[in-house]
PDB file of N, CA and C in Angstrom:
ATOM      1  N   MET A   1     115.527 142.924  96.815  1.00  0.00           N
ATOM      2  CA  MET A   1     114.211 143.198  96.331  1.00  0.00           C
ATOM      3  C   MET A   1     113.432 143.884  97.452  1.00  0.00           C
ATOM      4  N   VAL A   2     112.850 144.941  97.123  1.00  0.00           N
ATOM      5  CA  VAL A   2     112.131 145.721  98.118  1.00  0.00           C
ATOM      6  C   VAL A   2     110.672 145.302  98.120  1.00  0.00           C
ATOM      7  N   GLY A   3     110.124 145.066  99.318  1.00  0.00           N
ATOM      8  CA  GLY A   3     108.712 144.787  99.461  1.00  0.00           C
ATOM      9  C   GLY A   3     108.290 143.349  99.188  1.00  0.00           C
ATOM     10  N   THR A   4     109.206 142.475  98.830  1.00  0.00           N
ATOM     11  CA  THR A   4     108.799 141.089  98.538  1.00  0.00           C
ATOM     12  C   THR A   4     109.035 140.177  99.729  1.00  0.00           C
ATOM     13  N   GLY A   5     109.796 140.618 100.694  1.00  0.00           N
ATOM     14  CA  GLY A   5     110.087 139.780 101.845  1.00  0.00           C
ATOM     15  C   GLY A   5     111.100 138.703 101.551  1.00  0.00           C
ATOM     16  N   VAL A   6     111.752 138.749 100.410  1.00  0.00           N
ATOM     17  CA  VAL A   6     112.751 137.749 100.039  1.00  0.00           C
ATOM     18  C   VAL A   6     114.117 138.312 100.341  1.00  0.00           C
ATOM     19  N   ARG A   7     114.883 137.556 101.081  1.00  0.00           N
ATOM     20  CA  ARG A   7     116.239 137.992 101.400  1.00  0.00           C
ATOM     21  C   ARG A   7     117.235 137.134 100.672  1.00  0.00           C
ATOM     22  N   ARG A   8     118.196 137.753 100.118  1.00  0.00           N
ATOM     23  CA  ARG A   8     119.278 137.018  99.468  1.00  0.00           C
ATOM     24  C   ARG A   8     120.540 137.261 100.255  1.00  0.00           C
ATOM     25  N   GLN A   9     121.262 136.197 100.441  1.00  0.00           N
ATOM     26  CA  GLN A   9     122.540 136.355 101.127  1.00  0.00           C
ATOM     27  C   GLN A   9     123.591 136.747 100.112  1.00  0.00           C
ATOM     28  N   ALA A  10     124.379 137.697 100.519  1.00  0.00           N
ATOM     29  CA  ALA A  10     125.432 138.162  99.615  1.00  0.00           C
ATOM     30  C   ALA A  10     126.633 137.248  99.722  1.00  0.00           C
ATOM     31  N   GLY A  11     127.218 136.983  98.595  1.00  0.00           N
ATOM     32  CA  GLY A  11     128.425 136.193  98.548  1.00  0.00           C
ATOM     33  C   GLY A  11     129.630 137.111  98.464  1.00  0.00           C
ATOM     34  N   PRO A  12     130.787 136.579  98.119  1.00  0.00           N
ATOM     35  CA  PRO A  12     131.984 137.411  97.986  1.00  0.00           C
ATOM     36  C   PRO A  12     131.767 138.470  96.912  1.00  0.00           C
ATOM     37  N   GLY A  13     132.177 139.640  97.192  1.00  0.00           N
ATOM     38  CA  GLY A  13     132.072 140.732  96.233  1.00  0.00           C
ATOM     39  C   GLY A  13     130.678 141.344  96.215  1.00  0.00           C
ATOM     40  N   GLY A  14     129.785 141.003  97.164  1.00  0.00           N
ATOM     41  CA  GLY A  14     128.465 141.596  97.236  1.00  0.00           C
ATOM     42  C   GLY A  14     127.460 141.001  96.273  1.00  0.00           C
ATOM     43  N   ARG A  15     127.844 139.989  95.506  1.00  0.00           N
ATOM     44  CA  ARG A  15     126.908 139.346  94.571  1.00  0.00           C
ATOM     45  C   ARG A  15     126.101 138.284  95.310  1.00  0.00           C
ATOM     46  N   PRO A  16     124.847 138.067  94.865  1.00  0.00           N
ATOM     47  CA  PRO A  16     124.069 136.999  95.494  1.00  0.00           C
ATOM     48  C   PRO A  16     124.709 135.647  95.222  1.00  0.00           C
ATOM     49  N   ARG A  17     124.664 134.802  96.230  1.00  0.00           N
ATOM     50  CA  ARG A  17     125.227 133.458  96.074  1.00  0.00           C
ATOM     51  C   ARG A  17     124.351 132.638  95.139  1.00  0.00           C
ATOM     52  N   SER A  18     124.984 131.881  94.293  1.00  0.00           N
ATOM     53  CA  SER A  18     124.234 130.949  93.448  1.00  0.00           C
ATOM     54  C   SER A  18     124.431 129.552  93.997  1.00  0.00           C
ATOM     55  N   ARG A  19     123.517 128.690  93.681  1.00  0.00           N
ATOM     56  CA  ARG A  19     123.628 127.301  94.160  1.00  0.00           C
ATOM     57  C   ARG A  19     124.761 126.603  93.424  1.00  0.00           C
ATOM     58  N   PRO A  20     125.466 125.727  94.117  1.00  0.00           N
ATOM     59  CA  PRO A  20     126.509 124.956  93.434  1.00  0.00           C
ATOM     60  C   PRO A  20     125.880 124.060  92.372  1.00  0.00           C
ATOM     61  N   THR A  21     126.611 123.763  91.331  1.00  0.00           N
ATOM     62  CA  THR A  21     126.134 122.921  90.244  1.00  0.00           C
ATOM     63  C   THR A  21     125.775 121.541  90.775  1.00  0.00           C
ATOM     64  N   GLY A  22     124.653 121.016  90.295  1.00  0.00           N
ATOM     65  CA  GLY A  22     124.249 119.664  90.685  1.00  0.00           C
ATOM     66  C   GLY A  22     123.337 119.634  91.894  1.00  0.00           C
ATOM     67  N   THR A  23     123.056 120.747  92.545  1.00  0.00           N
ATOM     68  CA  THR A  23     122.195 120.707  93.717  1.00  0.00           C
ATOM     69  C   THR A  23     120.907 121.484  93.503  1.00  0.00           C
ATOM     70  N   SER A  24     120.561 121.754  92.254  1.00  0.00           N
ATOM     71  CA  SER A  24     119.339 122.514  92.007  1.00  0.00           C
ATOM     72  C   SER A  24     118.126 121.651  92.341  1.00  0.00           C
ATOM     73  N   ARG A  25     117.087 122.297  92.817  1.00  0.00           N
ATOM     74  CA  ARG A  25     115.866 121.586  93.160  1.00  0.00           C
ATOM     75  C   ARG A  25     114.835 121.797  92.059  1.00  0.00           C
ATOM     76  N   SER A  26     114.066 120.749  91.810  1.00  0.00           N
ATOM     77  CA  SER A  26     112.958 120.876  90.867  1.00  0.00           C
ATOM     78  C   SER A  26     111.811 121.556  91.588  1.00  0.00           C
ATOM     79  N   ALA A  27     110.954 122.143  90.826  1.00  0.00           N
ATOM     80  CA  ALA A  27     109.762 122.732  91.415  1.00  0.00           C
ATOM     81  C   ALA A  27     108.880 121.602  91.935  1.00  0.00           C
ATOM     82  N   PRO A  28     108.184 121.818  93.047  1.00  0.00           N
ATOM     83  CA  PRO A  28     107.305 120.762  93.559  1.00  0.00           C
ATOM     84  C   PRO A  28     106.192 120.449  92.552  1.00  0.00           C
ATOM     85  N   LEU A  29     105.702 119.219  92.599  1.00  0.00           N
ATOM     86  CA  LEU A  29     104.654 118.797  91.672  1.00  0.00           C
ATOM     87  C   LEU A  29     103.345 119.500  92.021  1.00  0.00           C
ATOM     88  N   SER A  30     102.613 119.877  91.007  1.00  0.00           N
ATOM     89  CA  SER A  30     101.308 120.489  91.230  1.00  0.00           C
ATOM     90  C   SER A  30     100.310 119.398  91.608  1.00  0.00           C
ATOM     91  N   ARG A  31      99.140 119.778  92.071  1.00  0.00           N
ATOM     92  CA  ARG A  31      98.106 118.793  92.413  1.00  0.00           C
ATOM     93  C   ARG A  31      97.725 117.959  91.204  1.00  0.00           C
ATOM     94  N   THR A  32      97.632 118.601  90.078  1.00  0.00           N
ATOM     95  CA  THR A  32      97.265 117.879  88.857  1.00  0.00           C
ATOM     96  C   THR A  32      98.326 116.838  88.511  1.00  0.00           C
ATOM     97  N   GLU A  33      99.586 117.225  88.606  1.00  0.00           N
ATOM     98  CA  GLU A  33     100.672 116.283  88.295  1.00  0.00           C
ATOM     99  C   GLU A  33     100.682 115.123  89.278  1.00  0.00           C
ATOM    100  N   ARG A  34     100.465 115.420  90.572  1.00  0.00           N
ATOM    101  CA  ARG A  34     100.412 114.347  91.570  1.00  0.00           C
ATOM    102  C   ARG A  34      99.238 113.411  91.290  1.00  0.00           C
ATOM    103  N   ALA A  35      98.085 113.983  90.936  1.00  0.00           N
ATOM    104  CA  ALA A  35      96.910 113.158  90.641  1.00  0.00           C
ATOM    105  C   ALA A  35      97.179 112.249  89.447  1.00  0.00           C
ATOM    106  N   ILE A  36      97.811 112.775  88.419  1.00  0.00           N
ATOM    107  CA  ILE A  36      98.140 111.975  87.238  1.00  0.00           C
ATOM    108  C   ILE A  36      99.086 110.832  87.617  1.00  0.00           C
ATOM    109  N   LEU A  37     100.084 111.118  88.437  1.00  0.00           N
ATOM    110  CA  LEU A  37     101.022 110.073  88.858  1.00  0.00           C
ATOM    111  C   LEU A  37     100.322 108.999  89.678  1.00  0.00           C
ATOM    112  N   ILE A  38      99.401 109.404  90.540  1.00  0.00           N
ATOM    113  CA  ILE A  38      98.673 108.426  91.355  1.00  0.00           C
ATOM    114  C   ILE A  38      97.792 107.548  90.479  1.00  0.00           C
ATOM    115  N   VAL A  39      97.112 108.144  89.521  1.00  0.00           N
ATOM    116  CA  VAL A  39      96.262 107.370  88.607  1.00  0.00           C
ATOM    117  C   VAL A  39      97.114 106.397  87.791  1.00  0.00           C
ATOM    118  N   LEU A  40      98.235 106.863  87.276  1.00  0.00           N
ATOM    119  CA  LEU A  40      99.115 105.980  86.495  1.00  0.00           C
ATOM    120  C   LEU A  40      99.654 104.843  87.351  1.00  0.00           C
ATOM    121  N   ALA A  41     100.026 105.134  88.597  1.00  0.00           N
ATOM    122  CA  ALA A  41     100.510 104.081  89.495  1.00  0.00           C
ATOM    123  C   ALA A  41      99.405 103.063  89.757  1.00  0.00           C
ATOM    124  N   GLY A  42      98.175 103.537  89.941  1.00  0.00           N
ATOM    125  CA  GLY A  42      97.050 102.629  90.146  1.00  0.00           C
ATOM    126  C   GLY A  42      96.809 101.738  88.945  1.00  0.00           C
ATOM    127  N   ILE A  43      96.905 102.319  87.759  1.00  0.00           N
ATOM    128  CA  ILE A  43      96.728 101.529  86.535  1.00  0.00           C
ATOM    129  C   ILE A  43      97.813 100.461  86.432  1.00  0.00           C
ATOM    130  N   LEU A  44      99.031 100.806  86.765  1.00  0.00           N
ATOM    131  CA  LEU A  44     100.120  99.825  86.722  1.00  0.00           C
ATOM    132  C   LEU A  44      99.871  98.688  87.704  1.00  0.00           C
ATOM    133  N   VAL A  45      99.404  99.014  88.912  1.00  0.00           N
ATOM    134  CA  VAL A  45      99.122  97.977  89.910  1.00  0.00           C
ATOM    135  C   VAL A  45      98.007  97.066  89.406  1.00  0.00           C
ATOM    136  N   LEU A  46      96.944  97.645  88.862  1.00  0.00           N
ATOM    137  CA  LEU A  46      95.844  96.829  88.350  1.00  0.00           C
ATOM    138  C   LEU A  46      96.287  95.929  87.202  1.00  0.00           C
ATOM    139  N   CYS A  47      97.127  96.460  86.320  1.00  0.00           N
ATOM    140  CA  CYS A  47      97.644  95.638  85.214  1.00  0.00           C
ATOM    141  C   CYS A  47      98.486  94.484  85.743  1.00  0.00           C
ATOM    142  N   ALA A  48      99.308  94.760  86.738  1.00  0.00           N
ATOM    143  CA  ALA A  48     100.143  93.709  87.319  1.00  0.00           C
ATOM    144  C   ALA A  48      99.279  92.636  87.969  1.00  0.00           C
ATOM    145  N   LEU A  49      98.247  93.037  88.698  1.00  0.00           N
ATOM    146  CA  LEU A  49      97.364  92.062  89.325  1.00  0.00           C
ATOM    147  C   LEU A  49      96.578  91.268  88.291  1.00  0.00           C
ATOM    148  N   ALA A  50      96.131  91.924  87.250  1.00  0.00           N
ATOM    149  CA  ALA A  50      95.364  91.233  86.212  1.00  0.00           C
ATOM    150  C   ALA A  50      96.217  90.203  85.490  1.00  0.00           C
ATOM    151  N   SER A  51      97.484  90.492  85.310  1.00  0.00           N
ATOM    152  CA  SER A  51      98.342  89.540  84.611  1.00  0.00           C
ATOM    153  C   SER A  51      98.678  88.341  85.498  1.00  0.00           C
ATOM    154  N   ARG A  52      98.653  88.532  86.826  1.00  0.00           N
ATOM    155  CA  ARG A  52      98.940  87.422  87.732  1.00  0.00           C
ATOM    156  C   ARG A  52      97.758  86.488  87.874  1.00  0.00           C
ATOM    157  N   HIS A  53      96.547  87.044  87.834  1.00  0.00           N
ATOM    158  CA  HIS A  53      95.340  86.252  88.011  1.00  0.00           C
ATOM    159  C   HIS A  53      94.424  86.464  86.806  1.00  0.00           C
ATOM    160  N   PRO A  54      94.662  85.724  85.746  1.00  0.00           N
ATOM    161  CA  PRO A  54      93.831  85.930  84.570  1.00  0.00           C
ATOM    162  C   PRO A  54      92.367  85.650  84.876  1.00  0.00           C
ATOM    163  N   THR A  55      91.508  86.417  84.274  1.00  0.00           N
ATOM    164  CA  THR A  55      90.079  86.233  84.435  1.00  0.00           C
ATOM    165  C   THR A  55      89.686  84.931  83.771  1.00  0.00           C
ATOM    166  N   PRO A  56      88.905  84.138  84.476  1.00  0.00           N
ATOM    167  CA  PRO A  56      88.503  82.873  83.859  1.00  0.00           C
ATOM    168  C   PRO A  56      87.713  83.140  82.582  1.00  0.00           C
ATOM    169  N   THR A  57      87.963  82.310  81.604  1.00  0.00           N
ATOM    170  CA  THR A  57      87.220  82.460  80.354  1.00  0.00           C
ATOM    171  C   THR A  57      85.791  81.988  80.585  1.00  0.00           C
ATOM    172  N   ALA A  58      84.950  82.317  79.679  1.00  0.00           N
ATOM    173  CA  ALA A  58      83.549  81.926  79.805  1.00  0.00           C
ATOM    174  C   ALA A  58      83.435  80.424  79.573  1.00  0.00           C
ATOM    175  N   ALA A  59      83.809  79.663  80.577  1.00  0.00           N
ATOM    176  CA  ALA A  59      83.740  78.212  80.499  1.00  0.00           C
ATOM    177  C   ALA A  59      82.366  77.782  80.987  1.00  0.00           C
ATOM    178  N   PRO A  60      81.890  76.649  80.520  1.00  0.00           N
ATOM    179  CA  PRO A  60      80.602  76.179  81.012  1.00  0.00           C
ATOM    180  C   PRO A  60      80.687  75.879  82.506  1.00  0.00           C
ATOM    181  N   THR A  61      79.642  76.244  83.222  1.00  0.00           N
ATOM    182  CA  THR A  61      79.598  75.992  84.659  1.00  0.00           C
ATOM    183  C   THR A  61      78.271  75.353  85.011  1.00  0.00           C
ATOM    184  N   THR A  62      78.239  74.791  86.186  1.00  0.00           N
ATOM    185  CA  THR A  62      77.009  74.246  86.742  1.00  0.00           C
ATOM    186  C   THR A  62      76.956  74.655  88.205  1.00  0.00           C
ATOM    187  N   HIS A  63      75.824  74.467  88.842  1.00  0.00           N
ATOM    188  CA  HIS A  63      75.674  74.809  90.249  1.00  0.00           C
ATOM    189  C   HIS A  63      75.796  73.555  91.097  1.00  0.00           C
ATOM    190  N   VAL A  64      76.496  73.717  92.206  1.00  0.00           N
ATOM    191  CA  VAL A  64      76.622  72.642  93.174  1.00  0.00           C
ATOM    192  C   VAL A  64      76.252  73.214  94.529  1.00  0.00           C
ATOM    193  N   ARG A  65      75.396  72.517  95.265  1.00  0.00           N
ATOM    194  CA  ARG A  65      75.036  72.956  96.608  1.00  0.00           C
ATOM    195  C   ARG A  65      76.048  72.364  97.595  1.00  0.00           C
ATOM    196  N   VAL A  66      76.592  73.228  98.444  1.00  0.00           N
ATOM    197  CA  VAL A  66      77.559  72.787  99.452  1.00  0.00           C
ATOM    198  C   VAL A  66      76.809  71.990 100.515  1.00  0.00           C
ATOM    199  N   GLU A  67      77.260  70.776 100.750  1.00  0.00           N
ATOM    200  CA  GLU A  67      76.675  69.908 101.778  1.00  0.00           C
ATOM    201  C   GLU A  67      77.511  70.024 103.055  1.00  0.00           C
ATOM    202  N   HIS A  68      76.900  69.658 104.187  1.00  0.00           N
ATOM    203  CA  HIS A  68      77.615  69.700 105.463  1.00  0.00           C
ATOM    204  C   HIS A  68      78.885  68.848 105.367  1.00  0.00           C
ATOM    205  N   GLY A  69      80.005  69.424 105.727  1.00  0.00           N
ATOM    206  CA  GLY A  69      81.285  68.713 105.695  1.00  0.00           C
ATOM    207  C   GLY A  69      82.047  68.858 104.389  1.00  0.00           C
ATOM    208  N   ASP A  70      81.430  69.448 103.367  1.00  0.00           N
ATOM    209  CA  ASP A  70      82.124  69.648 102.091  1.00  0.00           C
ATOM    210  C   ASP A  70      83.261  70.648 102.259  1.00  0.00           C
ATOM    211  N   THR A  71      84.316  70.426 101.499  1.00  0.00           N
ATOM    212  CA  THR A  71      85.427  71.377 101.436  1.00  0.00           C
ATOM    213  C   THR A  71      85.595  71.811  99.991  1.00  0.00           C
ATOM    214  N   LEU A  72      86.251  72.932  99.816  1.00  0.00           N
ATOM    215  CA  LEU A  72      86.526  73.420  98.467  1.00  0.00           C
ATOM    216  C   LEU A  72      87.331  72.372  97.694  1.00  0.00           C
ATOM    217  N   TRP A  73      88.289  71.753  98.366  1.00  0.00           N
ATOM    218  CA  TRP A  73      89.132  70.743  97.727  1.00  0.00           C
ATOM    219  C   TRP A  73      88.298  69.535  97.279  1.00  0.00           C
ATOM    220  N   ALA A  74      87.377  69.087  98.128  1.00  0.00           N
ATOM    221  CA  ALA A  74      86.547  67.925  97.790  1.00  0.00           C
ATOM    222  C   ALA A  74      85.645  68.235  96.598  1.00  0.00           C
ATOM    223  N   ILE A  75      85.039  69.420  96.605  1.00  0.00           N
ATOM    224  CA  ILE A  75      84.179  69.805  95.481  1.00  0.00           C
ATOM    225  C   ILE A  75      85.006  69.911  94.207  1.00  0.00           C
ATOM    226  N   ALA A  76      86.199  70.483  94.317  1.00  0.00           N
ATOM    227  CA  ALA A  76      87.076  70.622  93.150  1.00  0.00           C
ATOM    228  C   ALA A  76      87.504  69.255  92.629  1.00  0.00           C
ATOM    229  N   SER A  77      87.822  68.336  93.523  1.00  0.00           N
ATOM    230  CA  SER A  77      88.274  67.014  93.063  1.00  0.00           C
ATOM    231  C   SER A  77      87.143  66.239  92.391  1.00  0.00           C
ATOM    232  N   ARG A  78      85.890  66.448  92.832  1.00  0.00           N
ATOM    233  CA  ARG A  78      84.758  65.763  92.198  1.00  0.00           C
ATOM    234  C   ARG A  78      84.379  66.386  90.865  1.00  0.00           C
ATOM    235  N   ASN A  79      84.759  67.643  90.642  1.00  0.00           N
ATOM    236  CA  ASN A  79      84.292  68.370  89.460  1.00  0.00           C
ATOM    237  C   ASN A  79      85.409  68.878  88.561  1.00  0.00           C
ATOM    238  N   ALA A  80      86.618  68.374  88.716  1.00  0.00           N
ATOM    239  CA  ALA A  80      87.744  68.860  87.922  1.00  0.00           C
ATOM    240  C   ALA A  80      87.583  68.459  86.455  1.00  0.00           C
ATOM    241  N   PRO A  81      87.484  69.456  85.565  1.00  0.00           N
ATOM    242  CA  PRO A  81      87.410  69.130  84.138  1.00  0.00           C
ATOM    243  C   PRO A  81      88.727  68.531  83.647  1.00  0.00           C
ATOM    244  N   ASP A  82      88.658  67.833  82.534  1.00  0.00           N
ATOM    245  CA  ASP A  82      89.874  67.282  81.941  1.00  0.00           C
ATOM    246  C   ASP A  82      90.882  68.394  81.718  1.00  0.00           C
ATOM    247  N   GLY A  83      92.128  68.123  82.038  1.00  0.00           N
ATOM    248  CA  GLY A  83      93.190  69.090  81.806  1.00  0.00           C
ATOM    249  C   GLY A  83      93.439  70.025  82.974  1.00  0.00           C
ATOM    250  N   LEU A  84      92.582  70.002  84.006  1.00  0.00           N
ATOM    251  CA  LEU A  84      92.809  70.842  85.182  1.00  0.00           C
ATOM    252  C   LEU A  84      93.037  69.962  86.403  1.00  0.00           C
ATOM    253  N   SER A  85      94.016  70.346  87.193  1.00  0.00           N
ATOM    254  CA  SER A  85      94.265  69.626  88.433  1.00  0.00           C
ATOM    255  C   SER A  85      93.218  70.043  89.467  1.00  0.00           C
ATOM    256  N   THR A  86      93.187  69.323  90.578  1.00  0.00           N
ATOM    257  CA  THR A  86      92.265  69.692  91.656  1.00  0.00           C
ATOM    258  C   THR A  86      92.588  71.085  92.177  1.00  0.00           C
ATOM    259  N   ALA A  87      93.871  71.409  92.300  1.00  0.00           N
ATOM    260  CA  ALA A  87      94.266  72.735  92.792  1.00  0.00           C
ATOM    261  C   ALA A  87      93.805  73.831  91.833  1.00  0.00           C
ATOM    262  N   GLN A  88      93.990  73.599  90.542  1.00  0.00           N
ATOM    263  CA  GLN A  88      93.557  74.592  89.553  1.00  0.00           C
ATOM    264  C   GLN A  88      92.033  74.748  89.566  1.00  0.00           C
ATOM    265  N   THR A  89      91.340  73.641  89.727  1.00  0.00           N
ATOM    266  CA  THR A  89      89.876  73.689  89.777  1.00  0.00           C
ATOM    267  C   THR A  89      89.412  74.422  91.031  1.00  0.00           C
ATOM    268  N   ALA A  90      90.061  74.176  92.162  1.00  0.00           N
ATOM    269  CA  ALA A  90      89.714  74.879  93.405  1.00  0.00           C
ATOM    270  C   ALA A  90      89.933  76.378  93.243  1.00  0.00           C
ATOM    271  N   ASP A  91      91.037  76.766  92.619  1.00  0.00           N
ATOM    272  CA  ASP A  91      91.295  78.189  92.357  1.00  0.00           C
ATOM    273  C   ASP A  91      90.218  78.778  91.448  1.00  0.00           C
ATOM    274  N   LEU A  92      89.829  78.039  90.424  1.00  0.00           N
ATOM    275  CA  LEU A  92      88.816  78.514  89.484  1.00  0.00           C
ATOM    276  C   LEU A  92      87.457  78.665  90.179  1.00  0.00           C
ATOM    277  N   ILE A  93      87.102  77.702  91.028  1.00  0.00           N
ATOM    278  CA  ILE A  93      85.844  77.798  91.774  1.00  0.00           C
ATOM    279  C   ILE A  93      85.868  79.030  92.681  1.00  0.00           C
ATOM    280  N   ALA A  94      86.998  79.262  93.340  1.00  0.00           N
ATOM    281  CA  ALA A  94      87.123  80.438  94.208  1.00  0.00           C
ATOM    282  C   ALA A  94      86.955  81.721  93.397  1.00  0.00           C
ATOM    283  N   GLN A  95      87.554  81.792  92.208  1.00  0.00           N
ATOM    284  CA  GLN A  95      87.436  82.977  91.354  1.00  0.00           C
ATOM    285  C   GLN A  95      86.011  83.155  90.847  1.00  0.00           C
ATOM    286  N   LEU A  96      85.385  82.075  90.414  1.00  0.00           N
ATOM    287  CA  LEU A  96      84.031  82.152  89.865  1.00  0.00           C
ATOM    288  C   LEU A  96      83.021  82.641  90.904  1.00  0.00           C
ATOM    289  N   ASN A  97      83.295  82.317  92.174  1.00  0.00           N
ATOM    290  CA  ASN A  97      82.342  82.639  93.233  1.00  0.00           C
ATOM    291  C   ASN A  97      82.803  83.762  94.150  1.00  0.00           C
ATOM    292  N   GLY A  98      83.935  84.386  93.828  1.00  0.00           N
ATOM    293  CA  GLY A  98      84.431  85.495  94.642  1.00  0.00           C
ATOM    294  C   GLY A  98      84.808  85.082  96.051  1.00  0.00           C
ATOM    295  N   LEU A  99      85.303  83.867  96.202  1.00  0.00           N
ATOM    296  CA  LEU A  99      85.677  83.378  97.536  1.00  0.00           C
ATOM    297  C   LEU A  99      87.049  83.913  97.924  1.00  0.00           C
ATOM    298  N   SER A 100      87.141  84.461  99.122  1.00  0.00           N
ATOM    299  CA  SER A 100      88.446  84.919  99.620  1.00  0.00           C
ATOM    300  C   SER A 100      89.000  83.929 100.644  1.00  0.00           C
ATOM    301  N   SER A 101      88.224  82.903 100.971  1.00  0.00           N
ATOM    302  CA  SER A 101      88.623  81.909 101.954  1.00  0.00           C
ATOM    303  C   SER A 101      88.110  80.553 101.479  1.00  0.00           C
ATOM    304  N   PRO A 102      88.816  79.478 101.824  1.00  0.00           N
ATOM    305  CA  PRO A 102      88.344  78.156 101.413  1.00  0.00           C
ATOM    306  C   PRO A 102      87.203  77.640 102.297  1.00  0.00           C
ATOM    307  N   VAL A 103      86.805  78.389 103.332  1.00  0.00           N
ATOM    308  CA  VAL A 103      85.742  77.958 104.228  1.00  0.00           C
ATOM    309  C   VAL A 103      84.401  78.094 103.517  1.00  0.00           C
ATOM    310  N   LEU A 104      83.626  77.005 103.511  1.00  0.00           N
ATOM    311  CA  LEU A 104      82.332  76.984 102.839  1.00  0.00           C
ATOM    312  C   LEU A 104      81.215  76.805 103.859  1.00  0.00           C
ATOM    313  N   VAL A 105      80.048  77.345 103.526  1.00  0.00           N
ATOM    314  CA  VAL A 105      78.874  77.230 104.384  1.00  0.00           C
ATOM    315  C   VAL A 105      77.892  76.274 103.718  1.00  0.00           C
ATOM    316  N   ALA A 106      77.417  75.290 104.483  1.00  0.00           N
ATOM    317  CA  ALA A 106      76.464  74.325 103.949  1.00  0.00           C
ATOM    318  C   ALA A 106      75.234  75.056 103.423  1.00  0.00           C
ATOM    319  N   GLY A 107      74.751  74.614 102.259  1.00  0.00           N
ATOM    320  CA  GLY A 107      73.575  75.210 101.644  1.00  0.00           C
ATOM    321  C   GLY A 107      73.894  76.236 100.578  1.00  0.00           C
ATOM    322  N   ARG A 108      75.123  76.715 100.551  1.00  0.00           N
ATOM    323  CA  ARG A 108      75.493  77.715  99.544  1.00  0.00           C
ATOM    324  C   ARG A 108      75.574  77.054  98.173  1.00  0.00           C
ATOM    325  N   GLU A 109      75.104  77.781  97.166  1.00  0.00           N
ATOM    326  CA  GLU A 109      75.223  77.332  95.780  1.00  0.00           C
ATOM    327  C   GLU A 109      76.530  77.868  95.210  1.00  0.00           C
ATOM    328  N   LEU A 110      77.316  77.005  94.613  1.00  0.00           N
ATOM    329  CA  LEU A 110      78.576  77.405  93.986  1.00  0.00           C
ATOM    330  C   LEU A 110      78.514  77.147  92.489  1.00  0.00           C
ATOM    331  N   ASP A 111      79.085  78.077  91.727  1.00  0.00           N
ATOM    332  CA  ASP A 111      79.316  77.817  90.306  1.00  0.00           C
ATOM    333  C   ASP A 111      80.609  77.031  90.212  1.00  0.00           C
ATOM    334  N   VAL A 112      80.567  75.907  89.537  1.00  0.00           N
ATOM    335  CA  VAL A 112      81.773  75.100  89.354  1.00  0.00           C
ATOM    336  C   VAL A 112      81.962  74.846  87.866  1.00  0.00           C
ATOM    337  N   PRO A 113      83.224  74.755  87.428  1.00  0.00           N
ATOM    338  CA  PRO A 113      83.473  74.502  86.008  1.00  0.00           C
ATOM    339  C   PRO A 113      83.014  73.097  85.650  1.00  0.00           C
ATOM    340  N   THR A 114      82.588  72.964  84.445  1.00  0.00           N
ATOM    341  CA  THR A 114      82.159  71.661  83.955  1.00  0.00           C
ATOM    342  C   THR A 114      82.677  71.490  82.540  1.00  0.00           C
ATOM    343  N   GLN A 115      82.425  70.382  81.975  1.00  0.00           N
ATOM    344  CA  GLN A 115      82.844  70.138  80.593  1.00  0.00           C
ATOM    345  C   GLN A 115      81.713  69.426  79.883  1.00  0.00           C
ATOM    346  N   PRO A 116      81.753  69.411  78.586  1.00  0.00           N
ATOM    347  CA  PRO A 116      80.698  68.710  77.857  1.00  0.00           C
ATOM    348  C   PRO A 116      80.572  67.266  78.343  1.00  0.00           C
ATOM    349  N   GLY A 117      79.348  66.829  78.527  1.00  0.00           N
ATOM    350  CA  GLY A 117      79.114  65.452  78.976  1.00  0.00           C
ATOM    351  C   GLY A 117      78.946  65.335  80.470  1.00  0.00           C
ATOM    352  N   SER A 118      78.997  66.461  81.209  1.00  0.00           N
ATOM    353  CA  SER A 118      78.825  66.368  82.655  1.00  0.00           C
ATOM    354  C   SER A 118      77.359  66.493  83.007  1.00  0.00           C
ATOM    355  N   GLN A 119      76.985  65.920  84.148  1.00  0.00           N
ATOM    356  CA  GLN A 119      75.595  65.983  84.587  1.00  0.00           C
ATOM    357  C   GLN A 119      75.545  66.377  86.057  1.00  0.00           C
ATOM    358  N   ASN A 120      74.745  67.415  86.360  1.00  0.00           N
ATOM    359  CA  ASN A 120      74.514  67.848  87.735  1.00  0.00           C
ATOM    360  C   ASN A 120      75.787  68.126  88.509  1.00  0.00           C
ATOM    361  N   GLY A 121      76.786  68.686  87.859  1.00  0.00           N
ATOM    362  CA  GLY A 121      77.993  69.068  88.567  1.00  0.00           C
ATOM    363  C   GLY A 121      78.972  67.947  88.792  1.00  0.00           C
ATOM    364  N   ARG A 122      78.606  66.722  88.430  1.00  0.00           N
ATOM    365  CA  ARG A 122      79.544  65.599  88.594  1.00  0.00           C
ATOM    366  C   ARG A 122      79.874  65.100  87.185  1.00  0.00           C
ATOM    367  N   LEU A 123      81.113  64.739  87.006  1.00  0.00           N
ATOM    368  CA  LEU A 123      81.534  64.314  85.668  1.00  0.00           C
ATOM    369  C   LEU A 123      80.883  62.988  85.323  1.00  0.00           C
ATOM    370  N   ALA A 124      80.389  62.911  84.133  1.00  0.00           N
ATOM    371  CA  ALA A 124      79.762  61.676  83.661  1.00  0.00           C
ATOM    372  C   ALA A 124      80.814  60.595  83.485  1.00  0.00           C
ATOM    373  N   SER A 125      80.445  59.370  83.780  1.00  0.00           N
ATOM    374  CA  SER A 125      81.398  58.276  83.570  1.00  0.00           C
ATOM    375  C   SER A 125      81.504  57.998  82.084  1.00  0.00           C
ATOM    376  N   ARG A 126      82.624  57.494  81.670  1.00  0.00           N
ATOM    377  CA  ARG A 126      82.870  57.269  80.240  1.00  0.00           C
ATOM    378  C   ARG A 126      82.923  55.817  79.911  1.00  0.00           C
TER     379      ARG A 126
END
């Protein structure tokens, strides 16, 4: 080809060499195609994370003020609704309040799950 700057190597008989079967390369992805793949990968990651950590349902909650020396586990054990273990309640409290650490600061108000018949964040005696 004249003027294109493309050189072809001649093979036997003066013909241009062709690539061996099975080694053809695909055209590189365009920016649009790469962007679509990145968005789809992000959606898959978000779906996977959402399925691992279901969003708490709109359960009734109450506010509890963290007192000096309180731990997430202690608050969860005092406020665990029927059917939830202390660990499950602690996880739910962390989710409801966006906690990334179990460390609590005295004076902070926490949303904690409650159930019908509870008063002031502590389960009513039966």
